[in-house]
Every structure is written in structure tokens, then in C-alpha cells.
Amino acid sequence: MSQNQIHVYTETTPNPDTLKFVINVTLSDTAMNFANAGEAAGVSPLASKILGFPWAAGLYLGREFLSVTKQDWVDWETLEAPLVELIKEHLTSGEPVVTGAKREVVDDEILETDEPVVRQIKEILRDDIRPAVAMDGGDIRFHSFKEGVVFLHMQGACSGCPSSMYTLKEGIETRLRNAIPEVKMVESID
């Protein structure tokens, strides 16, 4: 594919340190979250390149987008255009985006062994919440449900976002509590 056929545009996210790079090709069938270049090594050459820069603080790889988180000492005006070009260059070079088998642990996969309340939580996360959060360049993954508390992993633009607590409490917690009486609270875990 030539560089002219690759289209990359950016979208801001609620997290000022994270920018979403939307690409007109499928990058990965599996979402992946990388905190540093070491985690991306042997798994994603594109993520390794981006995370190799000292300003890079994290990368979330979605199906057709990347959410890149930067350090707070550099601004997006300096990084955005060169990063768009780096992504285009990588995609047109023939190098793969993903080579390894890092598969995100999908705790929100609905299992036959799940209790009914856990199934309901996972269905609401899958059908209502995760698509909305992905529009902002992030993801939320189910971790567990214990004694009325839903524990979630915040990823991509959601991780470290100033408004993530508002989203967690006012959005997700309210939605789950209204639908499922057993849910008393929602908490984020690292």
C-alpha cells in the first residue's frame, strides 16, 4: 500500500496527554496496551518505534486506531505531524504492526461459568460502555466483581485522564447501578 493510500488523522481525547491516531486500515484484531518499549518488543514493531522515544509514556493499539500518551514536558504541536508521518511510513514499508502473540487478557469475555450478575455487567460494558470509551481513544476492561464493587482496568486515553474518575463514577457506575441492583460501586485498578 502506498503512503497516499494510508490516511491518518488525529482526534483529541479527554486526556490532554493522549492523542488518538485514526487510520483507514486494520492494525490489529486484538486490542493491546503497552506501557513502554519493553512490553512492545517482539510484539509490535510500530509500538516499539513509538515507545522508543523518550517523550512516549504509553500506547493503546485498537483495531483501527492508536492512542499515544506523551510525557507532560512535550506538547502535541511538536509531535503530531512527525508521528503521523512515522505511522504512514511504517504502514507503507511492509513491516507488520503486530508480530507477536501478546493477547490482551479479555476478562470481560462472557463465560458460561460467570454468575448472572457478572454476565450482566460484562454485557453492559461490551454493548454500551466500551464503544463509547473507544471513541475517545480508550478502553475499559472488566477485572472482577466482589461484594457489590465492580473493578475495572482503564486503558489508553482513559488511563491517567483527568476526567476518568468522573467517567468512572458518573457514567459507568451510574449506568451499572441503575441496571443492576447488586452493583454498589465501581473502582479502577492498575
C-alpha atoms as a PDB file:
ATOM      1  CA  MET A   1       0.000   0.000   0.000  1.00  0.00           C
ATOM      2  CA  SER A   2       1.415   3.402  -0.923  1.00  0.00           C
ATOM      3  CA  GLN A   3       1.677   6.256   1.522  1.00  0.00           C
ATOM      4  CA  ASN A   4      -1.009   8.131  -0.462  1.00  0.00           C
ATOM      5  CA  GLN A   5      -3.478   5.325   0.274  1.00  0.00           C
ATOM      6  CA  ILE A   6      -2.848   5.456   4.021  1.00  0.00           C
ATOM      7  CA  HIS A   7      -4.916   8.109   5.756  1.00  0.00           C
ATOM      8  CA  VAL A   8      -4.139   9.085   9.310  1.00  0.00           C
ATOM      9  CA  TYR A   9      -5.959  11.800  11.188  1.00  0.00           C
ATOM     10  CA  THR A  10      -5.904  12.746  14.820  1.00  0.00           C
ATOM     11  CA  GLU A  11      -8.602  13.290  17.375  1.00  0.00           C
ATOM     12  CA  THR A  12      -8.182  14.846  20.763  1.00  0.00           C
ATOM     13  CA  THR A  13      -9.186  12.805  23.770  1.00  0.00           C
ATOM     14  CA  PRO A  14     -10.381  13.879  27.204  1.00  0.00           C
ATOM     15  CA  ASN A  15      -6.824  13.170  28.372  1.00  0.00           C
ATOM     16  CA  PRO A  16      -4.664  16.117  27.220  1.00  0.00           C
ATOM     17  CA  ASP A  17      -1.558  13.893  27.226  1.00  0.00           C
ATOM     18  CA  THR A  18      -3.150  11.339  24.867  1.00  0.00           C
ATOM     19  CA  LEU A  19      -3.881  11.809  21.177  1.00  0.00           C
ATOM     20  CA  LYS A  20      -5.885   9.334  19.099  1.00  0.00           C
ATOM     21  CA  PHE A  21      -4.465   8.493  15.636  1.00  0.00           C
ATOM     22  CA  VAL A  22      -7.236   7.094  13.451  1.00  0.00           C
ATOM     23  CA  ILE A  23      -6.046   5.037  10.474  1.00  0.00           C
ATOM     24  CA  ASN A  24      -8.015   3.774   7.464  1.00  0.00           C
ATOM     25  CA  VAL A  25      -6.592   0.242   7.714  1.00  0.00           C
ATOM     26  CA  THR A  26      -6.948  -2.532  10.268  1.00  0.00           C
ATOM     27  CA  LEU A  27      -3.965  -2.504  12.606  1.00  0.00           C
ATOM     28  CA  SER A  28      -4.802  -5.422  14.867  1.00  0.00           C
ATOM     29  CA  ASP A  29      -7.650  -7.794  15.555  1.00  0.00           C
ATOM     30  CA  THR A  30      -6.767  -7.740  19.245  1.00  0.00           C
ATOM     31  CA  ALA A  31      -6.530  -4.632  21.405  1.00  0.00           C
ATOM     32  CA  MET A  32      -3.174  -4.237  23.109  1.00  0.00           C
ATOM     33  CA  ASN A  33      -1.943  -1.854  25.765  1.00  0.00           C
ATOM     34  CA  PHE A  34       1.772  -1.067  26.160  1.00  0.00           C
ATOM     35  CA  ALA A  35       3.293   0.955  28.991  1.00  0.00           C
ATOM     36  CA  ASN A  36       6.796   1.020  27.478  1.00  0.00           C
ATOM     37  CA  ALA A  37       9.011  -0.187  24.631  1.00  0.00           C
ATOM     38  CA  GLY A  38       9.993  -3.317  26.541  1.00  0.00           C
ATOM     39  CA  GLU A  39       6.385  -4.503  26.615  1.00  0.00           C
ATOM     40  CA  ALA A  40       6.060  -3.892  22.860  1.00  0.00           C
ATOM     41  CA  ALA A  41       9.351  -5.602  21.925  1.00  0.00           C
ATOM     42  CA  GLY A  42       8.719  -8.717  19.883  1.00  0.00           C
ATOM     43  CA  VAL A  43       5.001  -7.981  19.773  1.00  0.00           C
ATOM     44  CA  SER A  44       4.504  -4.761  17.807  1.00  0.00           C
ATOM     45  CA  PRO A  45       7.268  -3.143  15.749  1.00  0.00           C
ATOM     46  CA  LEU A  46       5.171   0.024  15.333  1.00  0.00           C
ATOM     47  CA  ALA A  47       4.513   0.330  19.063  1.00  0.00           C
ATOM     48  CA  SER A  48       8.216  -0.352  19.741  1.00  0.00           C
ATOM     49  CA  LYS A  49       9.208   2.508  17.434  1.00  0.00           C
ATOM     50  CA  ILE A  50       6.844   4.987  19.029  1.00  0.00           C
ATOM     51  CA  LEU A  51       7.569   3.916  22.600  1.00  0.00           C
ATOM     52  CA  GLY A  52      11.310   4.115  21.904  1.00  0.00           C
ATOM     53  CA  PHE A  53      11.119   7.905  22.045  1.00  0.00           C
ATOM     54  CA  PRO A  54      11.818   9.476  25.453  1.00  0.00           C
ATOM     55  CA  TRP A  55       8.592  11.517  25.286  1.00  0.00           C
ATOM     56  CA  ALA A  56       6.392   8.407  24.926  1.00  0.00           C
ATOM     57  CA  ALA A  57       4.515   7.335  28.058  1.00  0.00           C
ATOM     58  CA  GLY A  58       2.188   4.646  26.677  1.00  0.00           C
ATOM     59  CA  LEU A  59       0.338   3.308  23.664  1.00  0.00           C
ATOM     60  CA  TYR A  60      -3.009   1.616  23.218  1.00  0.00           C
ATOM     61  CA  LEU A  61      -3.412  -0.276  19.945  1.00  0.00           C
ATOM     62  CA  GLY A  62      -7.016  -0.613  18.809  1.00  0.00           C
ATOM     63  CA  ARG A  63      -8.426  -2.162  15.653  1.00  0.00           C
ATOM     64  CA  GLU A  64      -8.120   0.982  13.511  1.00  0.00           C
ATOM     65  CA  PHE A  65      -6.504   3.480  15.841  1.00  0.00           C
ATOM     66  CA  LEU A  66      -3.586   4.129  18.150  1.00  0.00           C
ATOM     67  CA  SER A  67      -3.880   6.174  21.314  1.00  0.00           C
ATOM     68  CA  VAL A  68      -0.469   7.566  22.134  1.00  0.00           C
ATOM     69  CA  THR A  69       0.257   9.082  25.539  1.00  0.00           C
ATOM     70  CA  LYS A  70       3.128  11.542  25.861  1.00  0.00           C
ATOM     71  CA  GLN A  71       5.132  12.881  28.783  1.00  0.00           C
ATOM     72  CA  ASP A  72       3.889  16.233  30.071  1.00  0.00           C
ATOM     73  CA  TRP A  73       7.144  18.065  29.205  1.00  0.00           C
ATOM     74  CA  VAL A  74       6.466  17.991  25.448  1.00  0.00           C
ATOM     75  CA  ASP A  75       3.456  19.285  23.510  1.00  0.00           C
ATOM     76  CA  TRP A  76       1.385  17.751  20.734  1.00  0.00           C
ATOM     77  CA  GLU A  77       2.135  20.642  18.365  1.00  0.00           C
ATOM     78  CA  THR A  78       5.724  19.371  18.225  1.00  0.00           C
ATOM     79  CA  LEU A  79       4.863  15.659  17.993  1.00  0.00           C
ATOM     80  CA  GLU A  80       1.657  15.321  15.968  1.00  0.00           C
ATOM     81  CA  ALA A  81       2.843  15.808  12.347  1.00  0.00           C
ATOM     82  CA  PRO A  82       6.078  13.770  12.691  1.00  0.00           C
ATOM     83  CA  LEU A  83       4.156  10.975  14.396  1.00  0.00           C
ATOM     84  CA  VAL A  84       1.535  10.883  11.614  1.00  0.00           C
ATOM     85  CA  GLU A  85       4.407  10.549   9.105  1.00  0.00           C
ATOM     86  CA  LEU A  86       6.110   7.825  11.154  1.00  0.00           C
ATOM     87  CA  ILE A  87       2.859   5.832  11.256  1.00  0.00           C
ATOM     88  CA  LYS A  88       2.325   6.242   7.496  1.00  0.00           C
ATOM     89  CA  GLU A  89       5.933   5.307   6.775  1.00  0.00           C
ATOM     90  CA  HIS A  90       5.703   2.184   8.911  1.00  0.00           C
ATOM     91  CA  LEU A  91       2.439   1.058   7.313  1.00  0.00           C
ATOM     92  CA  THR A  92       3.714   1.562   3.755  1.00  0.00           C
ATOM     93  CA  SER A  93       7.072  -0.119   4.445  1.00  0.00           C
ATOM     94  CA  GLY A  94       5.507  -3.566   4.578  1.00  0.00           C
ATOM     95  CA  GLU A  95       6.589  -4.058   8.176  1.00  0.00           C
ATOM     96  CA  PRO A  96       3.856  -5.660  10.279  1.00  0.00           C
ATOM     97  CA  VAL A  97       2.072  -3.736  13.002  1.00  0.00           C
ATOM     98  CA  VAL A  98       1.853  -6.844  15.188  1.00  0.00           C
ATOM     99  CA  THR A  99       4.237  -9.802  15.044  1.00  0.00           C
ATOM    100  CA  GLY A 100       3.981 -11.423  18.444  1.00  0.00           C
ATOM    101  CA  ALA A 101       1.206 -13.146  20.232  1.00  0.00           C
ATOM    102  CA  LYS A 102       0.541 -10.748  23.087  1.00  0.00           C
ATOM    103  CA  ARG A 103      -3.150 -11.169  23.593  1.00  0.00           C
ATOM    104  CA  GLU A 104      -4.862  -8.782  25.899  1.00  0.00           C
ATOM    105  CA  VAL A 105      -6.414 -10.675  28.790  1.00  0.00           C
ATOM    106  CA  VAL A 106     -10.077 -10.419  27.992  1.00  0.00           C
ATOM    107  CA  ASP A 107     -11.648 -10.650  31.421  1.00  0.00           C
ATOM    108  CA  ASP A 108     -14.882  -9.267  30.031  1.00  0.00           C
ATOM    109  CA  GLU A 109     -15.435 -12.255  27.764  1.00  0.00           C
ATOM    110  CA  ILE A 110     -18.767 -13.721  28.807  1.00  0.00           C
ATOM    111  CA  LEU A 111     -18.295 -17.258  30.081  1.00  0.00           C
ATOM    112  CA  GLU A 112     -20.793 -19.974  30.888  1.00  0.00           C
ATOM    113  CA  THR A 113     -19.302 -20.151  34.380  1.00  0.00           C
ATOM    114  CA  ASP A 114     -19.997 -16.460  35.092  1.00  0.00           C
ATOM    115  CA  GLU A 115     -22.641 -15.668  37.678  1.00  0.00           C
ATOM    116  CA  PRO A 116     -25.715 -13.930  36.217  1.00  0.00           C
ATOM    117  CA  VAL A 117     -24.745 -10.542  37.707  1.00  0.00           C
ATOM    118  CA  VAL A 118     -21.248 -10.770  36.201  1.00  0.00           C
ATOM    119  CA  ARG A 119     -22.758 -11.634  32.825  1.00  0.00           C
ATOM    120  CA  GLN A 120     -24.977  -8.544  33.035  1.00  0.00           C
ATOM    121  CA  ILE A 121     -22.003  -6.341  33.932  1.00  0.00           C
ATOM    122  CA  LYS A 122     -19.931  -7.705  31.052  1.00  0.00           C
ATOM    123  CA  GLU A 123     -22.810  -7.275  28.586  1.00  0.00           C
ATOM    124  CA  ILE A 124     -23.331  -3.626  29.554  1.00  0.00           C
ATOM    125  CA  LEU A 125     -19.595  -2.961  29.353  1.00  0.00           C
ATOM    126  CA  ARG A 126     -19.352  -4.658  25.948  1.00  0.00           C
ATOM    127  CA  ASP A 127     -22.501  -3.234  24.371  1.00  0.00           C
ATOM    128  CA  ASP A 128     -22.859   0.235  25.899  1.00  0.00           C
ATOM    129  CA  ILE A 129     -19.736   1.488  27.616  1.00  0.00           C
ATOM    130  CA  ARG A 130     -16.699   0.202  25.710  1.00  0.00           C
ATOM    131  CA  PRO A 131     -17.850   1.511  22.288  1.00  0.00           C
ATOM    132  CA  ALA A 132     -18.360   4.999  23.746  1.00  0.00           C
ATOM    133  CA  VAL A 133     -14.999   4.958  25.512  1.00  0.00           C
ATOM    134  CA  ALA A 134     -13.243   3.723  22.331  1.00  0.00           C
ATOM    135  CA  MET A 135     -14.475   6.846  20.541  1.00  0.00           C
ATOM    136  CA  ASP A 136     -12.260   8.798  22.948  1.00  0.00           C
ATOM    137  CA  GLY A 137      -9.261   6.544  22.317  1.00  0.00           C
ATOM    138  CA  GLY A 138      -9.525   4.397  25.398  1.00  0.00           C
ATOM    139  CA  ASP A 139     -10.820   1.140  26.708  1.00  0.00           C
ATOM    140  CA  ILE A 140     -12.235  -0.218  29.924  1.00  0.00           C
ATOM    141  CA  ARG A 141     -11.827  -3.884  30.840  1.00  0.00           C
ATOM    142  CA  PHE A 142     -13.674  -5.866  33.461  1.00  0.00           C
ATOM    143  CA  HIS A 143     -11.458  -7.259  36.208  1.00  0.00           C
ATOM    144  CA  SER A 144     -13.775  -8.597  38.887  1.00  0.00           C
ATOM    145  CA  PHE A 145     -16.942  -8.154  40.936  1.00  0.00           C
ATOM    146  CA  LYS A 146     -16.717  -8.557  44.716  1.00  0.00           C
ATOM    147  CA  GLU A 147     -19.152  -7.600  47.466  1.00  0.00           C
ATOM    148  CA  GLY A 148     -21.044  -5.109  45.287  1.00  0.00           C
ATOM    149  CA  VAL A 149     -17.914  -3.496  43.808  1.00  0.00           C
ATOM    150  CA  VAL A 150     -17.049  -3.725  40.099  1.00  0.00           C
ATOM    151  CA  PHE A 151     -13.295  -3.470  39.490  1.00  0.00           C
ATOM    152  CA  LEU A 152     -12.196  -2.196  36.066  1.00  0.00           C
ATOM    153  CA  HIS A 153      -8.922  -1.584  34.195  1.00  0.00           C
ATOM    154  CA  MET A 154      -8.719   1.824  32.471  1.00  0.00           C
ATOM    155  CA  GLN A 155      -6.574   1.720  29.291  1.00  0.00           C
ATOM    156  CA  GLY A 156      -5.412   4.003  26.500  1.00  0.00           C
ATOM    157  CA  ALA A 157      -6.677   7.578  26.806  1.00  0.00           C
ATOM    158  CA  CYS A 158      -8.658   6.583  29.923  1.00  0.00           C
ATOM    159  CA  SER A 159      -5.551   5.724  31.901  1.00  0.00           C
ATOM    160  CA  GLY A 160      -4.390   8.818  33.742  1.00  0.00           C
ATOM    161  CA  CYS A 161      -7.076  11.031  32.202  1.00  0.00           C
ATOM    162  CA  PRO A 162      -8.146  13.932  34.424  1.00  0.00           C
ATOM    163  CA  SER A 163     -11.797  13.195  33.659  1.00  0.00           C
ATOM    164  CA  SER A 164     -11.527   9.406  34.083  1.00  0.00           C
ATOM    165  CA  MET A 165     -12.826   9.490  37.652  1.00  0.00           C
ATOM    166  CA  TYR A 166     -15.860  11.468  36.503  1.00  0.00           C
ATOM    167  CA  THR A 167     -16.440   8.978  33.672  1.00  0.00           C
ATOM    168  CA  LEU A 168     -15.987   6.096  36.094  1.00  0.00           C
ATOM    169  CA  LYS A 169     -18.297   7.406  38.810  1.00  0.00           C
ATOM    170  CA  GLU A 170     -20.877   9.498  36.954  1.00  0.00           C
ATOM    171  CA  GLY A 171     -21.022   7.475  33.759  1.00  0.00           C
ATOM    172  CA  ILE A 172     -20.118   3.846  34.304  1.00  0.00           C
ATOM    173  CA  GLU A 173     -21.094   3.497  37.955  1.00  0.00           C
ATOM    174  CA  THR A 174     -24.427   5.237  37.398  1.00  0.00           C
ATOM    175  CA  ARG A 175     -25.225   3.075  34.355  1.00  0.00           C
ATOM    176  CA  LEU A 176     -24.348  -0.174  36.140  1.00  0.00           C
ATOM    177  CA  ARG A 177     -26.135   0.751  39.391  1.00  0.00           C
ATOM    178  CA  ASN A 178     -29.307   1.701  37.508  1.00  0.00           C
ATOM    179  CA  ALA A 179     -29.323  -1.587  35.594  1.00  0.00           C
ATOM    180  CA  ILE A 180     -28.061  -3.982  38.270  1.00  0.00           C
ATOM    181  CA  PRO A 181     -29.203  -3.566  41.905  1.00  0.00           C
ATOM    182  CA  GLU A 182     -26.287  -5.691  43.207  1.00  0.00           C
ATOM    183  CA  VAL A 183     -23.757  -3.095  41.989  1.00  0.00           C
ATOM    184  CA  LYS A 184     -22.965  -0.599  44.724  1.00  0.00           C
ATOM    185  CA  MET A 185     -19.743   0.959  43.432  1.00  0.00           C
ATOM    186  CA  VAL A 186     -17.210   0.922  40.581  1.00  0.00           C
ATOM    187  CA  GLU A 187     -13.457   1.200  41.184  1.00  0.00           C
ATOM    188  CA  SER A 188     -10.472   1.483  38.859  1.00  0.00           C
ATOM    189  CA  ILE A 189      -7.422  -0.729  39.409  1.00  0.00           C
ATOM    190  CA  ASP A 190      -3.972  -0.595  37.807  1.00  0.00           C
END
